PDB file of N, CA and C in Angstrom:
ATOM      1  N   UNK A   1       0.683  -1.647   0.067  1.00  0.00           N
ATOM      2  CA  UNK A   1      -0.133   0.376   0.010  1.00  0.00           C
ATOM      3  C   UNK A   1       1.054   1.004  -0.242  1.00  0.00           C
ATOM      4  N   UNK A   2       0.186   2.296  -1.025  1.00  0.00           N
ATOM      5  CA  UNK A   2       1.537   3.544  -0.707  1.00  0.00           C
ATOM      6  C   UNK A   2       0.719   5.029   0.134  1.00  0.00           C
ATOM      7  N   UNK A   3       1.461   5.229  -0.088  1.00  0.00           N
ATOM      8  CA  UNK A   3       1.294   6.653   1.667  1.00  0.00           C
ATOM      9  C   UNK A   3      -0.192   6.816   1.272  1.00  0.00           C
ATOM     10  N   UNK A   4      -0.696   7.596  -0.168  1.00  0.00           N
ATOM     11  CA  UNK A   4      -2.045   8.315  -0.350  1.00  0.00           C
ATOM     12  C   UNK A   4      -3.294   7.481   0.327  1.00  0.00           C
ATOM     13  N   UNK A   5      -2.393   5.777   0.271  1.00  0.00           N
ATOM     14  CA  UNK A   5      -3.850   5.265   0.758  1.00  0.00           C
ATOM     15  C   UNK A   5      -4.407   4.883   1.871  1.00  0.00           C
ATOM     16  N   UNK A   6      -2.658   4.809   2.837  1.00  0.00           N
ATOM     17  CA  UNK A   6      -3.115   4.100   4.045  1.00  0.00           C
ATOM     18  C   UNK A   6      -3.603   5.390   4.681  1.00  0.00           C
ATOM     19  N   UNK A   7      -3.814   6.774   4.825  1.00  0.00           N
ATOM     20  CA  UNK A   7      -3.809   7.681   5.852  1.00  0.00           C
ATOM     21  C   UNK A   7      -5.831   7.995   5.253  1.00  0.00           C
ATOM     22  N   UNK A   8      -6.311   7.163   4.370  1.00  0.00           N
ATOM     23  CA  UNK A   8      -7.461   7.943   4.368  1.00  0.00           C
ATOM     24  C   UNK A   8      -8.249   6.551   4.806  1.00  0.00           C
ATOM     25  N   UNK A   9      -7.815   5.428   4.754  1.00  0.00           N
ATOM     26  CA  UNK A   9      -7.421   4.105   5.237  1.00  0.00           C
ATOM     27  C   UNK A   9      -7.589   4.176   6.990  1.00  0.00           C
ATOM     28  N   UNK A  10      -6.384   4.592   7.092  1.00  0.00           N
ATOM     29  CA  UNK A  10      -6.821   4.673   8.819  1.00  0.00           C
ATOM     30  C   UNK A  10      -7.402   6.108   9.137  1.00  0.00           C
ATOM     31  N   UNK A  11      -7.865   6.372   8.807  1.00  0.00           N
ATOM     32  CA  UNK A  11      -9.149   7.939   8.941  1.00  0.00           C
ATOM     33  C   UNK A  11      -9.934   7.044   9.059  1.00  0.00           C
ATOM     34  N   UNK A  12     -10.481   5.826   8.503  1.00  0.00           N
ATOM     35  CA  UNK A  12     -11.989   5.243   8.871  1.00  0.00           C
ATOM     36  C   UNK A  12     -11.360   4.184   9.214  1.00  0.00           C
ATOM     37  N   UNK A  13     -10.390   3.602   9.687  1.00  0.00           N
ATOM     38  CA  UNK A  13     -10.402   3.007  11.079  1.00  0.00           C
ATOM     39  C   UNK A  13     -10.950   3.276  11.997  1.00  0.00           C
ATOM     40  N   UNK A  14      -9.523   4.688  12.352  1.00  0.00           N
ATOM     41  CA  UNK A  14     -10.090   5.253  13.972  1.00  0.00           C
ATOM     42  C   UNK A  14     -11.447   6.085  13.677  1.00  0.00           C
ATOM     43  N   UNK A  15     -12.110   6.499  13.139  1.00  0.00           N
ATOM     44  CA  UNK A  15     -13.609   6.606  13.006  1.00  0.00           C
ATOM     45  C   UNK A  15     -14.561   5.415  13.469  1.00  0.00           C
ATOM     46  N   UNK A  16     -14.295   4.536  12.763  1.00  0.00           N
ATOM     47  CA  UNK A  16     -15.017   3.058  12.660  1.00  0.00           C
ATOM     48  C   UNK A  16     -15.067   2.963  14.460  1.00  0.00           C
ATOM     49  N   UNK A  17     -13.685   2.423  14.519  1.00  0.00           N
ATOM     50  CA  UNK A  17     -13.990   2.745  15.718  1.00  0.00           C
ATOM     51  C   UNK A  17     -13.615   4.056  17.371  1.00  0.00           C
ATOM     52  N   UNK A  18     -14.209   4.582  16.900  1.00  0.00           N
ATOM     53  CA  UNK A  18     -14.269   5.929  17.445  1.00  0.00           C
ATOM     54  C   UNK A  18     -15.871   5.522  18.149  1.00  0.00           C
ATOM     55  N   UNK A  19     -16.846   5.470  16.934  1.00  0.00           N
ATOM     56  CA  UNK A  19     -18.389   4.991  17.214  1.00  0.00           C
ATOM     57  C   UNK A  19     -18.408   3.845  17.421  1.00  0.00           C
ATOM     58  N   UNK A  20     -17.854   2.528  17.624  1.00  0.00           N
ATOM     59  CA  UNK A  20     -18.251   1.648  18.434  1.00  0.00           C
ATOM     60  C   UNK A  20     -17.511   1.800  19.959  1.00  0.00           C
ATOM     61  N   UNK A  21     -16.353   2.865  20.450  1.00  0.00           N
ATOM     62  CA  UNK A  21     -16.685   3.071  21.423  1.00  0.00           C
ATOM     63  C   UNK A  21     -18.125   3.454  22.292  1.00  0.00           C
ATOM     64  N   UNK A  22     -17.711   5.186  20.979  1.00  0.00           N
ATOM     65  CA  UNK A  22     -18.973   5.781  21.644  1.00  0.00           C
ATOM     66  C   UNK A  22     -20.435   5.560  21.947  1.00  0.00           C
ATOM     67  N   UNK A  23     -21.024   4.186  21.360  1.00  0.00           N
ATOM     68  CA  UNK A  23     -22.156   3.546  21.222  1.00  0.00           C
ATOM     69  C   UNK A  23     -22.274   2.419  22.616  1.00  0.00           C
ATOM     70  N   UNK A  24     -21.185   1.711  23.120  1.00  0.00           N
ATOM     71  CA  UNK A  24     -20.682   0.799  23.896  1.00  0.00           C
ATOM     72  C   UNK A  24     -21.027   2.616  25.435  1.00  0.00           C
ATOM     73  N   UNK A  25     -20.606   3.530  25.036  1.00  0.00           N
ATOM     74  CA  UNK A  25     -20.466   4.081  26.530  1.00  0.00           C
ATOM     75  C   UNK A  25     -21.867   4.617  26.579  1.00  0.00           C
ATOM     76  N   UNK A  26     -23.140   4.825  25.932  1.00  0.00           N
ATOM     77  CA  UNK A  26     -24.220   5.323  25.474  1.00  0.00           C
ATOM     78  C   UNK A  26     -24.696   5.117  26.917  1.00  0.00           C
ATOM     79  N   UNK A  27     -25.381   5.997  27.262  1.00  0.00           N
ATOM     80  CA  UNK A  27     -26.430   5.587  28.719  1.00  0.00           C
ATOM     81  C   UNK A  27     -27.395   4.926  28.337  1.00  0.00           C
ATOM     82  N   UNK A  28     -27.919   3.691  28.848  1.00  0.00           N
ATOM     83  CA  UNK A  28     -28.474   3.055  28.823  1.00  0.00           C
ATOM     84  C   UNK A  28     -29.666   2.896  29.670  1.00  0.00           C
ATOM     85  N   UNK A  29     -29.645   3.851  30.891  1.00  0.00           N
ATOM     86  CA  UNK A  29     -30.598   3.987  32.038  1.00  0.00           C
ATOM     87  C   UNK A  29     -31.277   3.358  32.629  1.00  0.00           C
ATOM     88  N   UNK A  30     -32.691   3.181  33.118  1.00  0.00           N
ATOM     89  CA  UNK A  30     -33.196   1.634  33.863  1.00  0.00           C
ATOM     90  C   UNK A  30     -34.722   2.562  33.767  1.00  0.00           C
ATOM     91  N   UNK A  31     -35.511   0.907  33.482  1.00  0.00           N
ATOM     92  CA  UNK A  31     -36.723   0.867  33.559  1.00  0.00           C
ATOM     93  C   UNK A  31     -37.246   1.311  34.877  1.00  0.00           C
ATOM     94  N   UNK A  32     -38.939   2.180  34.899  1.00  0.00           N
ATOM     95  CA  UNK A  32     -39.551   1.870  35.283  1.00  0.00           C
ATOM     96  C   UNK A  32     -39.475   0.236  36.977  1.00  0.00           C
ATOM     97  N   UNK A  33     -39.890  -0.942  35.677  1.00  0.00           N
ATOM     98  CA  UNK A  33     -40.326  -1.503  36.156  1.00  0.00           C
ATOM     99  C   UNK A  33     -39.363  -2.830  36.687  1.00  0.00           C
ATOM    100  N   UNK A  34     -37.973  -2.252  36.304  1.00  0.00           N
ATOM    101  CA  UNK A  34     -36.959  -2.905  36.908  1.00  0.00           C
ATOM    102  C   UNK A  34     -36.733  -1.865  37.563  1.00  0.00           C
ATOM    103  N   UNK A  35     -36.736  -0.633  38.428  1.00  0.00           N
ATOM    104  CA  UNK A  35     -36.634   0.704  39.400  1.00  0.00           C
ATOM    105  C   UNK A  35     -37.949  -0.705  40.561  1.00  0.00           C
ATOM    106  N   UNK A  36     -38.922  -0.363  40.987  1.00  0.00           N
ATOM    107  CA  UNK A  36     -39.350  -0.839  41.143  1.00  0.00           C
ATOM    108  C   UNK A  36     -39.002  -2.208  41.789  1.00  0.00           C
ATOM    109  N   UNK A  37     -38.403  -3.560  40.788  1.00  0.00           N
ATOM    110  CA  UNK A  37     -38.233  -4.596  41.270  1.00  0.00           C
ATOM    111  C   UNK A  37     -37.046  -4.704  42.582  1.00  0.00           C
ATOM    112  N   UNK A  38     -35.727  -3.311  42.417  1.00  0.00           N
ATOM    113  CA  UNK A  38     -34.764  -3.026  43.533  1.00  0.00           C
ATOM    114  C   UNK A  38     -35.147  -3.495  44.862  1.00  0.00           C
ATOM    115  N   UNK A  39     -34.537  -3.932  45.833  1.00  0.00           N
ATOM    116  CA  UNK A  39     -34.380  -4.518  47.209  1.00  0.00           C
ATOM    117  C   UNK A  39     -33.469  -4.278  48.435  1.00  0.00           C
ATOM    118  N   UNK A  40     -33.616  -3.198  49.594  1.00  0.00           N
ATOM    119  CA  UNK A  40     -32.563  -3.174  49.947  1.00  0.00           C
ATOM    120  C   UNK A  40     -32.497  -5.074  50.441  1.00  0.00           C
ATOM    121  N   UNK A  41     -30.641  -5.128  51.008  1.00  0.00           N
ATOM    122  CA  UNK A  41     -30.436  -6.444  51.113  1.00  0.00           C
ATOM    123  C   UNK A  41     -30.028  -7.422  49.937  1.00  0.00           C
ATOM    124  N   UNK A  42     -30.527  -6.884  48.502  1.00  0.00           N
ATOM    125  CA  UNK A  42     -30.572  -7.418  47.584  1.00  0.00           C
ATOM    126  C   UNK A  42     -28.742  -7.528  46.918  1.00  0.00           C
ATOM    127  N   UNK A  43     -28.516  -8.977  46.760  1.00  0.00           N
ATOM    128  CA  UNK A  43     -26.784  -8.758  46.039  1.00  0.00           C
ATOM    129  C   UNK A  43     -26.979  -8.562  45.005  1.00  0.00           C
ATOM    130  N   UNK A  44     -25.568  -8.125  44.902  1.00  0.00           N
ATOM    131  CA  UNK A  44     -24.281  -7.022  43.518  1.00  0.00           C
ATOM    132  C   UNK A  44     -25.206  -7.686  42.416  1.00  0.00           C
ATOM    133  N   UNK A  45     -24.461  -8.977  42.764  1.00  0.00           N
ATOM    134  CA  UNK A  45     -25.164  -9.908  41.101  1.00  0.00           C
ATOM    135  C   UNK A  45     -26.628  -9.562  41.121  1.00  0.00           C
ATOM    136  N   UNK A  46     -27.553  -9.971  42.094  1.00  0.00           N
ATOM    137  CA  UNK A  46     -29.059 -10.105  41.324  1.00  0.00           C
ATOM    138  C   UNK A  46     -29.539  -8.391  40.890  1.00  0.00           C
ATOM    139  N   UNK A  47     -28.917  -7.590  41.286  1.00  0.00           N
ATOM    140  CA  UNK A  47     -28.555  -5.931  40.791  1.00  0.00           C
ATOM    141  C   UNK A  47     -28.025  -6.578  38.966  1.00  0.00           C
ATOM    142  N   UNK A  48     -27.307  -6.815  39.073  1.00  0.00           N
ATOM    143  CA  UNK A  48     -26.669  -6.767  37.941  1.00  0.00           C
ATOM    144  C   UNK A  48     -27.729  -7.158  36.623  1.00  0.00           C
ATOM    145  N   UNK A  49     -27.604  -8.516  37.559  1.00  0.00           N
ATOM    146  CA  UNK A  49     -28.517  -9.459  36.326  1.00  0.00           C
ATOM    147  C   UNK A  49     -30.387  -8.686  36.012  1.00  0.00           C
ATOM    148  N   UNK A  50     -30.630  -8.159  36.931  1.00  0.00           N
ATOM    149  CA  UNK A  50     -31.939  -7.656  36.549  1.00  0.00           C
ATOM    150  C   UNK A  50     -31.808  -6.533  35.842  1.00  0.00           C
ATOM    151  N   UNK A  51     -31.180  -5.414  36.400  1.00  0.00           N
ATOM    152  CA  UNK A  51     -30.769  -3.707  36.038  1.00  0.00           C
ATOM    153  C   UNK A  51     -29.682  -4.406  34.991  1.00  0.00           C
ATOM    154  N   UNK A  52     -29.218  -5.104  34.732  1.00  0.00           N
ATOM    155  CA  UNK A  52     -28.153  -4.625  33.901  1.00  0.00           C
ATOM    156  C   UNK A  52     -26.534  -4.070  34.184  1.00  0.00           C
ATOM    157  N   UNK A  53     -25.918  -3.537  33.553  1.00  0.00           N
ATOM    158  CA  UNK A  53     -24.209  -3.305  34.415  1.00  0.00           C
ATOM    159  C   UNK A  53     -24.428  -1.616  33.956  1.00  0.00           C
ATOM    160  N   UNK A  54     -24.436  -0.671  35.048  1.00  0.00           N
ATOM    161  CA  UNK A  54     -24.405   0.288  35.122  1.00  0.00           C
ATOM    162  C   UNK A  54     -23.935   0.913  34.083  1.00  0.00           C
ATOM    163  N   UNK A  55     -23.970   2.158  33.527  1.00  0.00           N
ATOM    164  CA  UNK A  55     -23.798   3.479  33.082  1.00  0.00           C
ATOM    165  C   UNK A  55     -23.054   3.929  33.397  1.00  0.00           C
ATOM    166  N   UNK A  56     -22.079   3.857  35.190  1.00  0.00           N
ATOM    167  CA  UNK A  56     -21.486   4.592  35.412  1.00  0.00           C
ATOM    168  C   UNK A  56     -20.711   3.892  37.560  1.00  0.00           C
ATOM    169  N   UNK A  57     -19.780   3.189  37.427  1.00  0.00           N
ATOM    170  CA  UNK A  57     -19.393   2.898  38.779  1.00  0.00           C
ATOM    171  C   UNK A  57     -18.572   3.679  39.161  1.00  0.00           C
ATOM    172  N   UNK A  58     -18.630   3.818  40.296  1.00  0.00           N
ATOM    173  CA  UNK A  58     -17.529   4.338  41.420  1.00  0.00           C
ATOM    174  C   UNK A  58     -17.804   3.041  43.017  1.00  0.00           C
ATOM    175  N   UNK A  59     -16.167   3.514  43.556  1.00  0.00           N
ATOM    176  CA  UNK A  59     -16.085   3.030  44.464  1.00  0.00           C
ATOM    177  C   UNK A  59     -15.208   3.483  45.359  1.00  0.00           C
ATOM    178  N   UNK A  60     -16.166   4.405  46.761  1.00  0.00           N
ATOM    179  CA  UNK A  60     -15.591   4.905  47.576  1.00  0.00           C
ATOM    180  C   UNK A  60     -13.630   4.443  48.105  1.00  0.00           C
ATOM    181  N   UNK A  61     -12.393   5.188  48.312  1.00  0.00           N
ATOM    182  CA  UNK A  61     -11.220   4.753  48.159  1.00  0.00           C
ATOM    183  C   UNK A  61     -11.324   4.156  49.326  1.00  0.00           C
ATOM    184  N   UNK A  62     -11.662   5.227  50.218  1.00  0.00           N
ATOM    185  CA  UNK A  62     -11.445   4.779  52.435  1.00  0.00           C
ATOM    186  C   UNK A  62     -12.315   3.979  52.907  1.00  0.00           C
ATOM    187  N   UNK A  63     -13.124   3.064  52.162  1.00  0.00           N
ATOM    188  CA  UNK A  63     -14.012   1.716  52.557  1.00  0.00           C
ATOM    189  C   UNK A  63     -14.244   1.665  51.162  1.00  0.00           C
ATOM    190  N   UNK A  64     -13.145   0.544  50.685  1.00  0.00           N
ATOM    191  CA  UNK A  64     -13.913  -0.589  49.428  1.00  0.00           C
ATOM    192  C   UNK A  64     -14.881  -1.456  49.493  1.00  0.00           C
ATOM    193  N   UNK A  65     -15.350  -1.341  50.580  1.00  0.00           N
ATOM    194  CA  UNK A  65     -16.665  -1.918  50.486  1.00  0.00           C
ATOM    195  C   UNK A  65     -17.764  -0.904  49.713  1.00  0.00           C
ATOM    196  N   UNK A  66     -18.169  -0.413  49.896  1.00  0.00           N
ATOM    197  CA  UNK A  66     -18.920   0.891  49.232  1.00  0.00           C
ATOM    198  C   UNK A  66     -18.700   0.553  47.823  1.00  0.00           C
ATOM    199  N   UNK A  67     -19.770   0.389  46.768  1.00  0.00           N
ATOM    200  CA  UNK A  67     -19.747   1.133  45.540  1.00  0.00           C
ATOM    201  C   UNK A  67     -21.075   1.579  45.588  1.00  0.00           C
ATOM    202  N   UNK A  68     -21.141   2.420  44.680  1.00  0.00           N
ATOM    203  CA  UNK A  68     -22.205   2.852  43.843  1.00  0.00           C
ATOM    204  C   UNK A  68     -22.502   2.695  42.123  1.00  0.00           C
ATOM    205  N   UNK A  69     -23.880   2.556  42.129  1.00  0.00           N
ATOM    206  CA  UNK A  69     -23.443   2.588  40.248  1.00  0.00           C
ATOM    207  C   UNK A  69     -25.241   3.276  40.018  1.00  0.00           C
ATOM    208  N   UNK A  70     -24.690   3.848  39.048  1.00  0.00           N
ATOM    209  CA  UNK A  70     -25.587   4.992  38.399  1.00  0.00           C
ATOM    210  C   UNK A  70     -25.914   5.200  37.461  1.00  0.00           C
ATOM    211  N   UNK A  71     -26.939   5.014  36.706  1.00  0.00           N
ATOM    212  CA  UNK A  71     -27.835   4.282  35.948  1.00  0.00           C
ATOM    213  C   UNK A  71     -28.219   5.849  35.538  1.00  0.00           C
ATOM    214  N   UNK A  72     -28.307   6.171  33.991  1.00  0.00           N
ATOM    215  CA  UNK A  72     -28.237   7.333  33.764  1.00  0.00           C
ATOM    216  C   UNK A  72     -29.706   7.507  32.855  1.00  0.00           C
ATOM    217  N   UNK A  73     -29.689   9.310  33.069  1.00  0.00           N
ATOM    218  CA  UNK A  73     -31.004   9.130  32.174  1.00  0.00           C
ATOM    219  C   UNK A  73     -31.257   9.350  30.604  1.00  0.00           C
ATOM    220  N   UNK A  74     -32.173   8.642  29.932  1.00  0.00           N
ATOM    221  CA  UNK A  74     -32.145   8.751  28.523  1.00  0.00           C
ATOM    222  C   UNK A  74     -33.645   9.312  28.509  1.00  0.00           C
ATOM    223  N   UNK A  75     -33.323   9.168  27.431  1.00  0.00           N
ATOM    224  CA  UNK A  75     -35.208   9.512  26.164  1.00  0.00           C
ATOM    225  C   UNK A  75     -36.072   9.052  27.246  1.00  0.00           C
ATOM    226  N   UNK A  76     -35.916   7.528  26.702  1.00  0.00           N
ATOM    227  CA  UNK A  76     -36.787   6.246  27.210  1.00  0.00           C
ATOM    228  C   UNK A  76     -37.121   6.824  28.766  1.00  0.00           C
ATOM    229  N   UNK A  77     -36.305   7.028  29.382  1.00  0.00           N
ATOM    230  CA  UNK A  77     -35.616   6.867  31.226  1.00  0.00           C
ATOM    231  C   UNK A  77     -35.310   7.926  31.588  1.00  0.00           C
ATOM    232  N   UNK A  78     -35.892   8.755  32.042  1.00  0.00           N
ATOM    233  CA  UNK A  78     -35.504   9.941  32.137  1.00  0.00           C
ATOM    234  C   UNK A  78     -35.184  10.254  33.639  1.00  0.00           C
ATOM    235  N   UNK A  79     -34.426   9.044  33.824  1.00  0.00           N
ATOM    236  CA  UNK A  79     -34.477   9.642  36.110  1.00  0.00           C
ATOM    237  C   UNK A  79     -33.211   8.924  36.026  1.00  0.00           C
ATOM    238  N   UNK A  80     -32.329   9.492  37.375  1.00  0.00           N
ATOM    239  CA  UNK A  80     -31.007   9.477  36.937  1.00  0.00           C
ATOM    240  C   UNK A  80     -31.551   7.890  38.143  1.00  0.00           C
ATOM    241  N   UNK A  81     -30.687   6.691  38.542  1.00  0.00           N
ATOM    242  CA  UNK A  81     -30.594   6.064  39.276  1.00  0.00           C
ATOM    243  C   UNK A  81     -30.092   5.570  40.279  1.00  0.00           C
ATOM    244  N   UNK A  82     -29.999   5.967  41.313  1.00  0.00           N
ATOM    245  CA  UNK A  82     -28.075   5.518  42.112  1.00  0.00           C
ATOM    246  C   UNK A  82     -28.850   4.503  42.905  1.00  0.00           C
ATOM    247  N   UNK A  83     -27.197   3.452  43.036  1.00  0.00           N
ATOM    248  CA  UNK A  83     -27.455   2.076  43.529  1.00  0.00           C
ATOM    249  C   UNK A  83     -26.333   1.914  44.904  1.00  0.00           C
ATOM    250  N   UNK A  84     -26.374   1.843  46.045  1.00  0.00           N
ATOM    251  CA  UNK A  84     -24.971   1.940  46.860  1.00  0.00           C
ATOM    252  C   UNK A  84     -25.245   0.558  47.457  1.00  0.00           C
ATOM    253  N   UNK A  85     -24.043   0.154  47.044  1.00  0.00           N
ATOM    254  CA  UNK A  85     -23.798  -1.641  48.285  1.00  0.00           C
ATOM    255  C   UNK A  85     -22.557  -0.951  48.391  1.00  0.00           C
ATOM    256  N   UNK A  86     -23.200  -2.378  50.175  1.00  0.00           N
ATOM    257  CA  UNK A  86     -21.906  -2.225  50.788  1.00  0.00           C
ATOM    258  C   UNK A  86     -22.046  -3.788  51.586  1.00  0.00           C
ATOM    259  N   UNK A  87     -20.251  -3.984  50.943  1.00  0.00           N
ATOM    260  CA  UNK A  87     -20.110  -5.691  51.167  1.00  0.00           C
ATOM    261  C   UNK A  87     -21.331  -6.225  50.150  1.00  0.00           C
ATOM    262  N   UNK A  88     -21.277  -5.835  49.287  1.00  0.00           N
ATOM    263  CA  UNK A  88     -22.229  -6.654  48.513  1.00  0.00           C
ATOM    264  C   UNK A  88     -23.565  -6.369  48.087  1.00  0.00           C
ATOM    265  N   UNK A  89     -24.180  -5.776  49.286  1.00  0.00           N
ATOM    266  CA  UNK A  89     -25.379  -5.660  48.909  1.00  0.00           C
ATOM    267  C   UNK A  89     -25.948  -5.074  48.877  1.00  0.00           C
ATOM    268  N   UNK A  90     -27.142  -3.813  48.565  1.00  0.00           N
ATOM    269  CA  UNK A  90     -28.138  -2.856  48.514  1.00  0.00           C
ATOM    270  C   UNK A  90     -28.256  -2.296  49.500  1.00  0.00           C
ATOM    271  N   UNK A  91     -27.826  -0.864  49.476  1.00  0.00           N
ATOM    272  CA  UNK A  91     -28.064  -0.538  51.157  1.00  0.00           C
ATOM    273  C   UNK A  91     -28.961   0.501  50.923  1.00  0.00           C
ATOM    274  N   UNK A  92     -28.420   1.681  49.790  1.00  0.00           N
ATOM    275  CA  UNK A  92     -29.342   2.478  49.215  1.00  0.00           C
ATOM    276  C   UNK A  92     -29.741   2.477  47.481  1.00  0.00           C
ATOM    277  N   UNK A  93     -31.251   3.117  48.267  1.00  0.00           N
ATOM    278  CA  UNK A  93     -32.019   3.210  46.667  1.00  0.00           C
ATOM    279  C   UNK A  93     -32.211   4.243  46.438  1.00  0.00           C
ATOM    280  N   UNK A  94     -31.394   5.282  45.049  1.00  0.00           N
ATOM    281  CA  UNK A  94     -32.206   6.775  44.713  1.00  0.00           C
ATOM    282  C   UNK A  94     -32.846   6.855  43.616  1.00  0.00           C
ATOM    283  N   UNK A  95     -33.692   7.740  43.483  1.00  0.00           N
ATOM    284  CA  UNK A  95     -34.243   7.709  41.973  1.00  0.00           C
ATOM    285  C   UNK A  95     -34.960   8.882  41.947  1.00  0.00           C
ATOM    286  N   UNK A  96     -34.678   9.614  40.354  1.00  0.00           N
ATOM    287  CA  UNK A  96     -34.325  11.439  40.604  1.00  0.00           C
ATOM    288  C   UNK A  96     -34.332  11.520  39.416  1.00  0.00           C
ATOM    289  N   UNK A  97     -35.792  12.308  38.615  1.00  0.00           N
ATOM    290  CA  UNK A  97     -35.536  13.147  37.411  1.00  0.00           C
ATOM    291  C   UNK A  97     -35.359  13.337  36.981  1.00  0.00           C
ATOM    292  N   UNK A  98     -34.704  13.671  35.751  1.00  0.00           N
ATOM    293  CA  UNK A  98     -33.507  14.329  35.495  1.00  0.00           C
ATOM    294  C   UNK A  98     -33.606  14.582  33.608  1.00  0.00           C
ATOM    295  N   UNK A  99     -32.815  15.837  32.724  1.00  0.00           N
ATOM    296  CA  UNK A  99     -33.358  15.421  31.969  1.00  0.00           C
ATOM    297  C   UNK A  99     -31.440  15.157  30.687  1.00  0.00           C
ATOM    298  N   UNK A 100     -32.106  14.026  30.896  1.00  0.00           N
ATOM    299  CA  UNK A 100     -31.358  13.152  29.624  1.00  0.00           C
ATOM    300  C   UNK A 100     -29.441  14.282  28.975  1.00  0.00           C
ATOM    301  N   UNK A 101     -28.714  13.542  29.082  1.00  0.00           N
ATOM    302  CA  UNK A 101     -27.600  14.544  29.039  1.00  0.00           C
ATOM    303  C   UNK A 101     -27.270  14.316  27.608  1.00  0.00           C
TER     304      UNK A 101
END
């Protein structure tokens, strides 16, 4: 391949990779039907099984046992749902209406 062909090909490949990465990162939100089935004391595995992977996940640096899962608002589900887990069990569930980003 000559130099003139390599650059456009590289540009196309980079655009495809960026599009695929952006598609994976798009918020999925959480349906109300899923939210109402979450309970305090439910395990992390049950949460992920019902709600899917979170859009964002944070871990408290001082206390590695505390994790917070964030399900971001979308047009279909305009609520920010935050689920906190301590030692692998749900200890707090919060849902607030927000505009999608």
